[in-house]
Amino acid sequence: MYLNIIILAGGASSRMKNASASNVMIQQDLLRQAQERAKSMIGVGPNSRPFLDYLLSNVAQAGYRSVVIVVGERDTSVHDYYEKGHGTAQWPQLDISYAVQRIPDGRTTPCGAADALLQGLNATPSWRGQKFTVCNSDNLYSVRALRLLLNDTHANTMIDYDRSALQFDHDRIMQFAVIMKNQDGSLVDIVEKPSSEVIARAADSSGRIGVSMNIFRFDYDMILPVLETQPFDPVRNEKDIPAAIRGLLQLHPNCVFAIPLAEHVIDLTHPSDIPVISEYLRREFPKLQ
């Protein structure tokens, strides 16, 4: 079993950085943090503990040991907190290292999540021949979800979340990538920002619709060449992971198994999420006060 995980924390966080235009009542300190830090470093927990602390707590409890955090080149909040501030000492069982997602000349924003993943793999050549999990830093995935991926024996795996179990408003849920599987549970397609017609086609015989919350487990040697040759999306001008997965499926059909799971996922995307998440963390993580 390979106890590796990459956490993507280098995104531009543009929706969160519009917090000043929000009508949500947010403490001024949190408002400032939302403007200056990576989303995962906003101190939404009791005593201003950053969101990423809670994800790392679940990562450690699930059994992972080698953690690579991909950070943006313009943000030092992650490294400063966990290294200079000795935040890493909270989880002595975790070996935490960092990879930087550079912004190429001619761009003002990073090149997308698939590029961030590529930077994480380039920083871990020792993982060749191994498997690893990858997830966002602004979602709080459960210990159960993280452990399901860690223990799965398929070459590549993803969590197939039951859309009806997610407790978000309708508009947000409609934006989540839907997945389509064959009868064996292997992924056939994944579609970001799906139309109503695509969503309807994604429903199985019972009406269940599976969506991605951006948590996957990959075979290093299978996904690396796909990421290295992946083109930019012609509309978004980024490289996203669903497109990389489609490229992987073209080379290796039926190589991604989708594990069904019905549970909510805490998501720190919008300013309005901050007070809700703060209350959730206070209630559900009494040991991380």
C-alpha atoms as a PDB file:
ATOM      1  CA  MET A   1       0.000   0.000   0.000  1.00  0.00           C
ATOM      2  CA  TYR A   2       1.378   3.419  -1.012  1.00  0.00           C
ATOM      3  CA  LEU A   3       0.508   6.066   1.584  1.00  0.00           C
ATOM      4  CA  ASN A   4       0.958   9.070  -0.724  1.00  0.00           C
ATOM      5  CA  ILE A   5      -1.295  12.091  -1.180  1.00  0.00           C
ATOM      6  CA  ILE A   6      -1.047  15.378  -3.070  1.00  0.00           C
ATOM      7  CA  ILE A   7      -3.105  18.323  -1.823  1.00  0.00           C
ATOM      8  CA  LEU A   8      -3.704  21.111  -4.349  1.00  0.00           C
ATOM      9  CA  ALA A   9      -3.485  24.529  -2.671  1.00  0.00           C
ATOM     10  CA  GLY A  10      -2.133  26.759  -5.436  1.00  0.00           C
ATOM     11  CA  GLY A  11      -5.306  27.994  -7.133  1.00  0.00           C
ATOM     12  CA  ALA A  12      -6.133  31.647  -7.721  1.00  0.00           C
ATOM     13  CA  SER A  13      -9.171  31.551  -5.360  1.00  0.00           C
ATOM     14  CA  SER A  14     -10.863  34.266  -7.409  1.00  0.00           C
ATOM     15  CA  ARG A  15     -14.367  33.631  -6.039  1.00  0.00           C
ATOM     16  CA  MET A  16     -13.168  33.829  -2.461  1.00  0.00           C
ATOM     17  CA  LYS A  17     -11.176  36.990  -3.135  1.00  0.00           C
ATOM     18  CA  ASN A  18     -14.401  38.729  -4.100  1.00  0.00           C
ATOM     19  CA  ALA A  19     -15.370  38.594  -0.409  1.00  0.00           C
ATOM     20  CA  SER A  20     -15.337  42.385  -0.136  1.00  0.00           C
ATOM     21  CA  ALA A  21     -18.322  42.510  -2.476  1.00  0.00           C
ATOM     22  CA  SER A  22     -20.277  39.978  -0.433  1.00  0.00           C
ATOM     23  CA  ASN A  23     -23.291  40.795   1.684  1.00  0.00           C
ATOM     24  CA  VAL A  24     -22.343  38.076   4.159  1.00  0.00           C
ATOM     25  CA  MET A  25     -21.337  39.268   7.618  1.00  0.00           C
ATOM     26  CA  ILE A  26     -17.712  38.173   8.033  1.00  0.00           C
ATOM     27  CA  GLN A  27     -15.213  39.206  10.678  1.00  0.00           C
ATOM     28  CA  GLN A  28     -12.747  41.766   9.351  1.00  0.00           C
ATOM     29  CA  ASP A  29      -9.781  39.521  10.111  1.00  0.00           C
ATOM     30  CA  LEU A  30     -11.289  36.659   8.103  1.00  0.00           C
ATOM     31  CA  LEU A  31     -12.153  39.081   5.322  1.00  0.00           C
ATOM     32  CA  ARG A  32      -8.510  40.180   5.179  1.00  0.00           C
ATOM     33  CA  GLN A  33      -7.314  36.578   5.184  1.00  0.00           C
ATOM     34  CA  ALA A  34      -9.676  35.752   2.312  1.00  0.00           C
ATOM     35  CA  GLN A  35      -8.012  38.505   0.291  1.00  0.00           C
ATOM     36  CA  GLU A  36      -4.412  37.632   1.139  1.00  0.00           C
ATOM     37  CA  ARG A  37      -4.118  33.878   1.696  1.00  0.00           C
ATOM     38  CA  ALA A  38      -4.791  30.619  -0.035  1.00  0.00           C
ATOM     39  CA  LYS A  39      -8.381  29.587   0.760  1.00  0.00           C
ATOM     40  CA  SER A  40      -7.235  26.615   2.779  1.00  0.00           C
ATOM     41  CA  MET A  41      -5.278  28.907   5.109  1.00  0.00           C
ATOM     42  CA  ILE A  42      -8.214  31.082   6.153  1.00  0.00           C
ATOM     43  CA  GLY A  43      -8.598  30.745   9.921  1.00  0.00           C
ATOM     44  CA  VAL A  44     -12.153  29.449   9.929  1.00  0.00           C
ATOM     45  CA  GLY A  45     -11.622  27.135  12.912  1.00  0.00           C
ATOM     46  CA  PRO A  46     -11.662  27.949  16.620  1.00  0.00           C
ATOM     47  CA  ASN A  47      -8.667  30.077  17.641  1.00  0.00           C
ATOM     48  CA  SER A  48      -8.161  30.898  13.949  1.00  0.00           C
ATOM     49  CA  ARG A  49      -7.028  27.399  12.970  1.00  0.00           C
ATOM     50  CA  PRO A  50      -6.769  27.236   9.166  1.00  0.00           C
ATOM     51  CA  PHE A  51      -9.095  25.050   7.148  1.00  0.00           C
ATOM     52  CA  LEU A  52      -6.177  22.917   5.950  1.00  0.00           C
ATOM     53  CA  ASP A  53      -5.528  21.744   9.533  1.00  0.00           C
ATOM     54  CA  TYR A  54      -8.791  19.821   9.479  1.00  0.00           C
ATOM     55  CA  LEU A  55      -8.099  18.176   6.139  1.00  0.00           C
ATOM     56  CA  LEU A  56      -4.627  17.132   7.320  1.00  0.00           C
ATOM     57  CA  SER A  57      -6.179  15.724  10.481  1.00  0.00           C
ATOM     58  CA  ASN A  58      -8.443  13.494   8.376  1.00  0.00           C
ATOM     59  CA  VAL A  59      -5.562  12.595   6.052  1.00  0.00           C
ATOM     60  CA  ALA A  60      -3.477  11.427   9.004  1.00  0.00           C
ATOM     61  CA  GLN A  61      -6.373   9.502  10.558  1.00  0.00           C
ATOM     62  CA  ALA A  62      -7.080   7.772   7.242  1.00  0.00           C
ATOM     63  CA  GLY A  63      -3.535   6.359   7.216  1.00  0.00           C
ATOM     64  CA  TYR A  64      -1.588   8.530   4.769  1.00  0.00           C
ATOM     65  CA  ARG A  65       1.998   9.343   5.575  1.00  0.00           C
ATOM     66  CA  SER A  66       3.684  11.128   2.640  1.00  0.00           C
ATOM     67  CA  VAL A  67       1.983  14.476   1.884  1.00  0.00           C
ATOM     68  CA  VAL A  68       2.893  16.924  -0.876  1.00  0.00           C
ATOM     69  CA  ILE A  69       1.136  20.297  -0.779  1.00  0.00           C
ATOM     70  CA  VAL A  70       1.184  22.177  -4.094  1.00  0.00           C
ATOM     71  CA  VAL A  71       1.279  25.908  -3.357  1.00  0.00           C
ATOM     72  CA  GLY A  72       1.127  29.031  -5.496  1.00  0.00           C
ATOM     73  CA  GLU A  73       4.299  30.954  -6.174  1.00  0.00           C
ATOM     74  CA  ARG A  74       2.774  34.178  -4.828  1.00  0.00           C
ATOM     75  CA  ASP A  75       1.478  32.775  -1.553  1.00  0.00           C
ATOM     76  CA  THR A  76       3.700  31.830   1.376  1.00  0.00           C
ATOM     77  CA  SER A  77       0.960  31.313   3.976  1.00  0.00           C
ATOM     78  CA  VAL A  78       0.979  27.504   3.770  1.00  0.00           C
ATOM     79  CA  HIS A  79       4.727  27.069   4.115  1.00  0.00           C
ATOM     80  CA  ASP A  80       5.056  29.780   6.759  1.00  0.00           C
ATOM     81  CA  TYR A  81       2.383  28.236   8.972  1.00  0.00           C
ATOM     82  CA  TYR A  82       3.504  24.622   8.738  1.00  0.00           C
ATOM     83  CA  GLU A  83       7.251  25.165   8.750  1.00  0.00           C
ATOM     84  CA  LYS A  84       8.162  28.522  10.313  1.00  0.00           C
ATOM     85  CA  GLY A  85       5.177  28.305  12.660  1.00  0.00           C
ATOM     86  CA  HIS A  86       5.831  24.631  13.471  1.00  0.00           C
ATOM     87  CA  GLY A  87       2.302  23.654  12.412  1.00  0.00           C
ATOM     88  CA  THR A  88       3.736  20.433  11.003  1.00  0.00           C
ATOM     89  CA  ALA A  89       4.446  19.261  14.552  1.00  0.00           C
ATOM     90  CA  GLN A  90       0.730  18.634  15.024  1.00  0.00           C
ATOM     91  CA  TRP A  91       1.014  15.486  12.881  1.00  0.00           C
ATOM     92  CA  PRO A  92       4.396  13.817  13.506  1.00  0.00           C
ATOM     93  CA  GLN A  93       3.238  10.803  11.491  1.00  0.00           C
ATOM     94  CA  LEU A  94       2.991  12.929   8.325  1.00  0.00           C
ATOM     95  CA  ASP A  95       6.008  13.693   6.135  1.00  0.00           C
ATOM     96  CA  ILE A  96       4.934  17.004   4.592  1.00  0.00           C
ATOM     97  CA  SER A  97       6.761  18.572   1.651  1.00  0.00           C
ATOM     98  CA  TYR A  98       5.879  21.233  -0.914  1.00  0.00           C
ATOM     99  CA  ALA A  99       5.798  21.812  -4.651  1.00  0.00           C
ATOM    100  CA  VAL A 100       5.334  25.230  -6.247  1.00  0.00           C
ATOM    101  CA  GLN A 101       2.946  25.832  -9.132  1.00  0.00           C
ATOM    102  CA  ARG A 102       4.677  28.498 -11.196  1.00  0.00           C
ATOM    103  CA  ILE A 103       2.789  30.981 -13.359  1.00  0.00           C
ATOM    104  CA  PRO A 104       4.329  31.001 -16.850  1.00  0.00           C
ATOM    105  CA  ASP A 105       5.370  34.226 -18.537  1.00  0.00           C
ATOM    106  CA  GLY A 106       2.432  35.860 -20.267  1.00  0.00           C
ATOM    107  CA  ARG A 107      -0.147  34.614 -17.746  1.00  0.00           C
ATOM    108  CA  THR A 108      -1.529  36.238 -14.608  1.00  0.00           C
ATOM    109  CA  THR A 109      -3.074  33.120 -13.081  1.00  0.00           C
ATOM    110  CA  PRO A 110      -1.986  29.475 -12.623  1.00  0.00           C
ATOM    111  CA  CYS A 111      -2.575  26.985 -15.431  1.00  0.00           C
ATOM    112  CA  GLY A 112      -5.200  24.899 -13.633  1.00  0.00           C
ATOM    113  CA  ALA A 113      -5.495  21.882 -11.364  1.00  0.00           C
ATOM    114  CA  ALA A 114      -3.992  19.397 -13.834  1.00  0.00           C
ATOM    115  CA  ASP A 115      -0.892  21.576 -14.121  1.00  0.00           C
ATOM    116  CA  ALA A 116      -0.708  21.764 -10.311  1.00  0.00           C
ATOM    117  CA  LEU A 117      -0.866  17.975 -10.172  1.00  0.00           C
ATOM    118  CA  LEU A 118       1.926  17.733 -12.737  1.00  0.00           C
ATOM    119  CA  GLN A 119       4.114  20.003 -10.601  1.00  0.00           C
ATOM    120  CA  GLY A 120       3.401  17.769  -7.607  1.00  0.00           C
ATOM    121  CA  LEU A 121       4.478  14.672  -9.538  1.00  0.00           C
ATOM    122  CA  ASN A 122       7.595  16.371 -10.884  1.00  0.00           C
ATOM    123  CA  ALA A 123       8.556  17.054  -7.279  1.00  0.00           C
ATOM    124  CA  THR A 124       8.142  13.383  -6.307  1.00  0.00           C
ATOM    125  CA  PRO A 125      10.079  11.217  -8.785  1.00  0.00           C
ATOM    126  CA  SER A 126      10.517   8.651  -6.005  1.00  0.00           C
ATOM    127  CA  TRP A 127       6.799   7.863  -6.378  1.00  0.00           C
ATOM    128  CA  ARG A 128       7.299   6.309  -9.811  1.00  0.00           C
ATOM    129  CA  GLY A 129       5.768   2.861  -9.861  1.00  0.00           C
ATOM    130  CA  GLN A 130       3.455   3.815  -6.997  1.00  0.00           C
ATOM    131  CA  LYS A 131      -0.093   5.090  -6.505  1.00  0.00           C
ATOM    132  CA  PHE A 132      -1.186   8.328  -4.883  1.00  0.00           C
ATOM    133  CA  THR A 133      -4.344  10.191  -3.926  1.00  0.00           C
ATOM    134  CA  VAL A 134      -4.927  13.776  -5.036  1.00  0.00           C
ATOM    135  CA  CYS A 135      -7.523  16.204  -3.702  1.00  0.00           C
ATOM    136  CA  ASN A 136      -8.385  19.865  -3.316  1.00  0.00           C
ATOM    137  CA  SER A 137      -7.301  21.813  -0.254  1.00  0.00           C
ATOM    138  CA  ASP A 138     -10.614  23.657   0.039  1.00  0.00           C
ATOM    139  CA  ASN A 139     -12.783  20.558   0.474  1.00  0.00           C
ATOM    140  CA  LEU A 140     -12.934  18.685   3.772  1.00  0.00           C
ATOM    141  CA  TYR A 141     -13.059  15.063   2.664  1.00  0.00           C
ATOM    142  CA  SER A 142     -14.063  12.546   5.295  1.00  0.00           C
ATOM    143  CA  VAL A 143     -11.741   9.938   6.784  1.00  0.00           C
ATOM    144  CA  ARG A 144     -14.002   7.350   5.183  1.00  0.00           C
ATOM    145  CA  ALA A 145     -13.584   8.774   1.665  1.00  0.00           C
ATOM    146  CA  LEU A 146      -9.828   9.125   2.038  1.00  0.00           C
ATOM    147  CA  ARG A 147      -9.521   5.585   3.389  1.00  0.00           C
ATOM    148  CA  LEU A 148     -11.716   4.106   0.642  1.00  0.00           C
ATOM    149  CA  LEU A 149      -9.253   5.385  -1.937  1.00  0.00           C
ATOM    150  CA  LEU A 150      -6.215   4.308   0.049  1.00  0.00           C
ATOM    151  CA  ASN A 151      -7.487   0.740   0.384  1.00  0.00           C
ATOM    152  CA  ASP A 152      -8.805   0.307  -3.163  1.00  0.00           C
ATOM    153  CA  THR A 153      -6.871  -2.076  -5.397  1.00  0.00           C
ATOM    154  CA  HIS A 154      -7.823  -0.739  -8.848  1.00  0.00           C
ATOM    155  CA  ALA A 155      -5.152   1.006 -10.904  1.00  0.00           C
ATOM    156  CA  ASN A 156      -7.003   4.339 -10.741  1.00  0.00           C
ATOM    157  CA  THR A 157      -9.996   5.275  -8.600  1.00  0.00           C
ATOM    158  CA  MET A 158     -12.296   8.181  -7.805  1.00  0.00           C
ATOM    159  CA  ILE A 159     -15.067   8.847  -5.313  1.00  0.00           C
ATOM    160  CA  ASP A 160     -18.470   8.868  -6.997  1.00  0.00           C
ATOM    161  CA  TYR A 161     -20.545  11.152  -4.760  1.00  0.00           C
ATOM    162  CA  ASP A 162     -24.323  10.778  -4.758  1.00  0.00           C
ATOM    163  CA  ARG A 163     -25.502  14.227  -5.808  1.00  0.00           C
ATOM    164  CA  SER A 164     -28.654  13.959  -3.693  1.00  0.00           C
ATOM    165  CA  ALA A 165     -26.577  13.648  -0.491  1.00  0.00           C
ATOM    166  CA  LEU A 166     -24.756  16.962  -1.023  1.00  0.00           C
ATOM    167  CA  GLN A 167     -26.226  19.773   1.056  1.00  0.00           C
ATOM    168  CA  PHE A 168     -25.504  22.690  -1.263  1.00  0.00           C
ATOM    169  CA  ASP A 169     -27.916  25.003  -2.990  1.00  0.00           C
ATOM    170  CA  HIS A 170     -29.198  23.979  -6.400  1.00  0.00           C
ATOM    171  CA  ASP A 171     -27.060  26.399  -8.399  1.00  0.00           C
ATOM    172  CA  ARG A 172     -23.819  25.140  -6.887  1.00  0.00           C
ATOM    173  CA  ILE A 173     -24.715  21.485  -7.332  1.00  0.00           C
ATOM    174  CA  MET A 174     -25.531  22.114 -10.985  1.00  0.00           C
ATOM    175  CA  GLN A 175     -21.899  23.166 -11.515  1.00  0.00           C
ATOM    176  CA  PHE A 176     -20.354  19.928 -10.255  1.00  0.00           C
ATOM    177  CA  ALA A 177     -18.875  17.563 -12.818  1.00  0.00           C
ATOM    178  CA  VAL A 178     -21.123  14.558 -13.435  1.00  0.00           C
ATOM    179  CA  ILE A 179     -19.755  11.098 -14.056  1.00  0.00           C
ATOM    180  CA  MET A 180     -20.929   8.258 -16.248  1.00  0.00           C
ATOM    181  CA  LYS A 181     -20.042   4.636 -15.523  1.00  0.00           C
ATOM    182  CA  ASN A 182     -20.501   1.272 -17.162  1.00  0.00           C
ATOM    183  CA  GLN A 183     -22.192  -1.680 -15.461  1.00  0.00           C
ATOM    184  CA  ASP A 184     -18.915  -2.741 -13.855  1.00  0.00           C
ATOM    185  CA  GLY A 185     -18.529   0.622 -12.101  1.00  0.00           C
ATOM    186  CA  SER A 186     -15.721   1.824 -14.338  1.00  0.00           C
ATOM    187  CA  LEU A 187     -15.712   5.450 -15.429  1.00  0.00           C
ATOM    188  CA  VAL A 188     -16.802   6.130 -18.998  1.00  0.00           C
ATOM    189  CA  ASP A 189     -16.855   9.931 -18.966  1.00  0.00           C
ATOM    190  CA  ILE A 190     -16.665  12.936 -16.663  1.00  0.00           C
ATOM    191  CA  VAL A 191     -18.201  16.261 -17.710  1.00  0.00           C
ATOM    192  CA  GLU A 192     -17.497  19.593 -16.031  1.00  0.00           C
ATOM    193  CA  LYS A 193     -20.223  22.261 -15.865  1.00  0.00           C
ATOM    194  CA  PRO A 194     -22.723  19.878 -17.441  1.00  0.00           C
ATOM    195  CA  SER A 195     -25.871  20.963 -19.248  1.00  0.00           C
ATOM    196  CA  SER A 196     -29.292  19.805 -18.065  1.00  0.00           C
ATOM    197  CA  GLU A 197     -29.304  17.265 -20.878  1.00  0.00           C
ATOM    198  CA  VAL A 198     -25.951  15.798 -19.804  1.00  0.00           C
ATOM    199  CA  ILE A 199     -27.103  15.616 -16.186  1.00  0.00           C
ATOM    200  CA  ALA A 200     -30.221  13.735 -17.242  1.00  0.00           C
ATOM    201  CA  ARG A 201     -28.136  11.228 -19.213  1.00  0.00           C
ATOM    202  CA  ALA A 202     -25.862  10.707 -16.219  1.00  0.00           C
ATOM    203  CA  ALA A 203     -28.689   9.324 -14.062  1.00  0.00           C
ATOM    204  CA  ASP A 204     -28.621   5.565 -13.534  1.00  0.00           C
ATOM    205  CA  SER A 205     -31.655   3.271 -13.589  1.00  0.00           C
ATOM    206  CA  SER A 206     -32.597   4.316 -10.045  1.00  0.00           C
ATOM    207  CA  GLY A 207     -32.254   8.020 -10.821  1.00  0.00           C
ATOM    208  CA  ARG A 208     -28.985   8.400  -8.924  1.00  0.00           C
ATOM    209  CA  ILE A 209     -26.581  10.974 -10.342  1.00  0.00           C
ATOM    210  CA  GLY A 210     -22.916  10.706  -9.455  1.00  0.00           C
ATOM    211  CA  VAL A 211     -20.677  13.760  -9.279  1.00  0.00           C
ATOM    212  CA  SER A 212     -17.004  14.428  -8.747  1.00  0.00           C
ATOM    213  CA  MET A 213     -15.736  16.440  -5.796  1.00  0.00           C
ATOM    214  CA  ASN A 214     -12.178  16.311  -7.128  1.00  0.00           C
ATOM    215  CA  ILE A 215     -10.675  13.475  -5.144  1.00  0.00           C
ATOM    216  CA  PHE A 216      -8.917  10.716  -7.082  1.00  0.00           C
ATOM    217  CA  ARG A 217      -6.278   8.005  -6.767  1.00  0.00           C
ATOM    218  CA  PHE A 218      -3.941   7.492  -9.707  1.00  0.00           C
ATOM    219  CA  ASP A 219      -1.168   5.228 -10.855  1.00  0.00           C
ATOM    220  CA  TYR A 220       1.814   7.591 -11.149  1.00  0.00           C
ATOM    221  CA  ASP A 221       3.186   6.008 -14.324  1.00  0.00           C
ATOM    222  CA  MET A 222      -0.204   6.024 -16.077  1.00  0.00           C
ATOM    223  CA  ILE A 223      -1.270   9.613 -15.363  1.00  0.00           C
ATOM    224  CA  LEU A 224       2.121  11.347 -15.709  1.00  0.00           C
ATOM    225  CA  PRO A 225       2.452  11.129 -19.527  1.00  0.00           C
ATOM    226  CA  VAL A 226      -1.156  12.290 -19.914  1.00  0.00           C
ATOM    227  CA  LEU A 227      -0.473  15.386 -17.816  1.00  0.00           C
ATOM    228  CA  GLU A 228       2.779  16.099 -19.655  1.00  0.00           C
ATOM    229  CA  THR A 229       1.036  16.259 -23.045  1.00  0.00           C
ATOM    230  CA  GLN A 230      -2.318  17.726 -22.028  1.00  0.00           C
ATOM    231  CA  PRO A 231      -3.368  20.791 -24.043  1.00  0.00           C
ATOM    232  CA  PHE A 232      -5.055  23.873 -22.626  1.00  0.00           C
ATOM    233  CA  ASP A 233      -8.832  23.971 -22.673  1.00  0.00           C
ATOM    234  CA  PRO A 234      -9.693  26.267 -25.606  1.00  0.00           C
ATOM    235  CA  VAL A 235     -12.397  28.111 -23.644  1.00  0.00           C
ATOM    236  CA  ARG A 236     -11.047  28.268 -20.081  1.00  0.00           C
ATOM    237  CA  ASN A 237      -7.372  28.444 -21.096  1.00  0.00           C
ATOM    238  CA  GLU A 238      -6.517  26.068 -18.253  1.00  0.00           C
ATOM    239  CA  LYS A 239      -5.661  22.410 -17.784  1.00  0.00           C
ATOM    240  CA  ASP A 240      -8.222  20.638 -15.640  1.00  0.00           C
ATOM    241  CA  ILE A 241      -8.183  17.171 -14.131  1.00  0.00           C
ATOM    242  CA  PRO A 242     -11.425  15.917 -15.757  1.00  0.00           C
ATOM    243  CA  ALA A 243      -9.853  16.541 -19.173  1.00  0.00           C
ATOM    244  CA  ALA A 244      -6.754  14.652 -18.042  1.00  0.00           C
ATOM    245  CA  ILE A 245      -8.954  11.756 -16.960  1.00  0.00           C
ATOM    246  CA  ARG A 246     -10.637  11.685 -20.357  1.00  0.00           C
ATOM    247  CA  GLY A 247      -7.186  11.524 -21.927  1.00  0.00           C
ATOM    248  CA  LEU A 248      -6.284   8.682 -19.573  1.00  0.00           C
ATOM    249  CA  LEU A 249      -9.439   6.796 -20.556  1.00  0.00           C
ATOM    250  CA  GLN A 250      -8.610   7.164 -24.242  1.00  0.00           C
ATOM    251  CA  LEU A 251      -5.282   5.437 -23.651  1.00  0.00           C
ATOM    252  CA  HIS A 252      -6.577   2.919 -21.103  1.00  0.00           C
ATOM    253  CA  PRO A 253     -10.357   2.329 -21.345  1.00  0.00           C
ATOM    254  CA  ASN A 254     -12.087   1.246 -18.122  1.00  0.00           C
ATOM    255  CA  CYS A 255      -8.972   2.040 -16.080  1.00  0.00           C
ATOM    256  CA  VAL A 256     -10.725   4.291 -13.511  1.00  0.00           C
ATOM    257  CA  PHE A 257     -13.048   2.682 -10.982  1.00  0.00           C
ATOM    258  CA  ALA A 258     -15.710   4.879  -9.364  1.00  0.00           C
ATOM    259  CA  ILE A 259     -16.520   4.160  -5.710  1.00  0.00           C
ATOM    260  CA  PRO A 260     -20.109   5.180  -4.816  1.00  0.00           C
ATOM    261  CA  LEU A 261     -20.433   7.246  -1.652  1.00  0.00           C
ATOM    262  CA  ALA A 262     -23.402   9.153  -0.243  1.00  0.00           C
ATOM    263  CA  GLU A 263     -22.274  11.912   2.118  1.00  0.00           C
ATOM    264  CA  HIS A 264     -21.855  15.667   2.220  1.00  0.00           C
ATOM    265  CA  VAL A 265     -18.494  17.353   1.580  1.00  0.00           C
ATOM    266  CA  ILE A 266     -17.596  20.616   3.283  1.00  0.00           C
ATOM    267  CA  ASP A 267     -16.618  23.100   0.555  1.00  0.00           C
ATOM    268  CA  LEU A 268     -14.817  26.411   1.167  1.00  0.00           C
ATOM    269  CA  THR A 269     -15.407  28.269  -2.088  1.00  0.00           C
ATOM    270  CA  HIS A 270     -17.502  31.369  -1.469  1.00  0.00           C
ATOM    271  CA  PRO A 271     -17.417  33.995   1.282  1.00  0.00           C
ATOM    272  CA  SER A 272     -20.826  32.791   2.447  1.00  0.00           C
ATOM    273  CA  ASP A 273     -19.241  29.422   3.312  1.00  0.00           C
ATOM    274  CA  ILE A 274     -17.049  30.893   6.063  1.00  0.00           C
ATOM    275  CA  PRO A 275     -19.575  31.300   8.925  1.00  0.00           C
ATOM    276  CA  VAL A 276     -21.239  27.953   8.138  1.00  0.00           C
ATOM    277  CA  ILE A 277     -17.908  26.115   8.124  1.00  0.00           C
ATOM    278  CA  SER A 278     -16.739  27.843  11.293  1.00  0.00           C
ATOM    279  CA  GLU A 279     -19.752  26.521  13.165  1.00  0.00           C
ATOM    280  CA  TYR A 280     -19.323  23.038  11.663  1.00  0.00           C
ATOM    281  CA  LEU A 281     -15.662  22.810  12.694  1.00  0.00           C
ATOM    282  CA  ARG A 282     -16.390  24.015  16.216  1.00  0.00           C
ATOM    283  CA  ARG A 283     -19.048  21.321  16.580  1.00  0.00           C
ATOM    284  CA  GLU A 284     -17.444  18.370  14.796  1.00  0.00           C
ATOM    285  CA  PHE A 285     -13.761  18.755  15.738  1.00  0.00           C
ATOM    286  CA  PRO A 286     -13.712  19.327  19.506  1.00  0.00           C
ATOM    287  CA  LYS A 287     -10.124  18.027  19.716  1.00  0.00           C
ATOM    288  CA  LEU A 288      -8.880  20.674  17.291  1.00  0.00           C
ATOM    289  CA  GLN A 289      -9.900  23.716  19.290  1.00  0.00           C
END
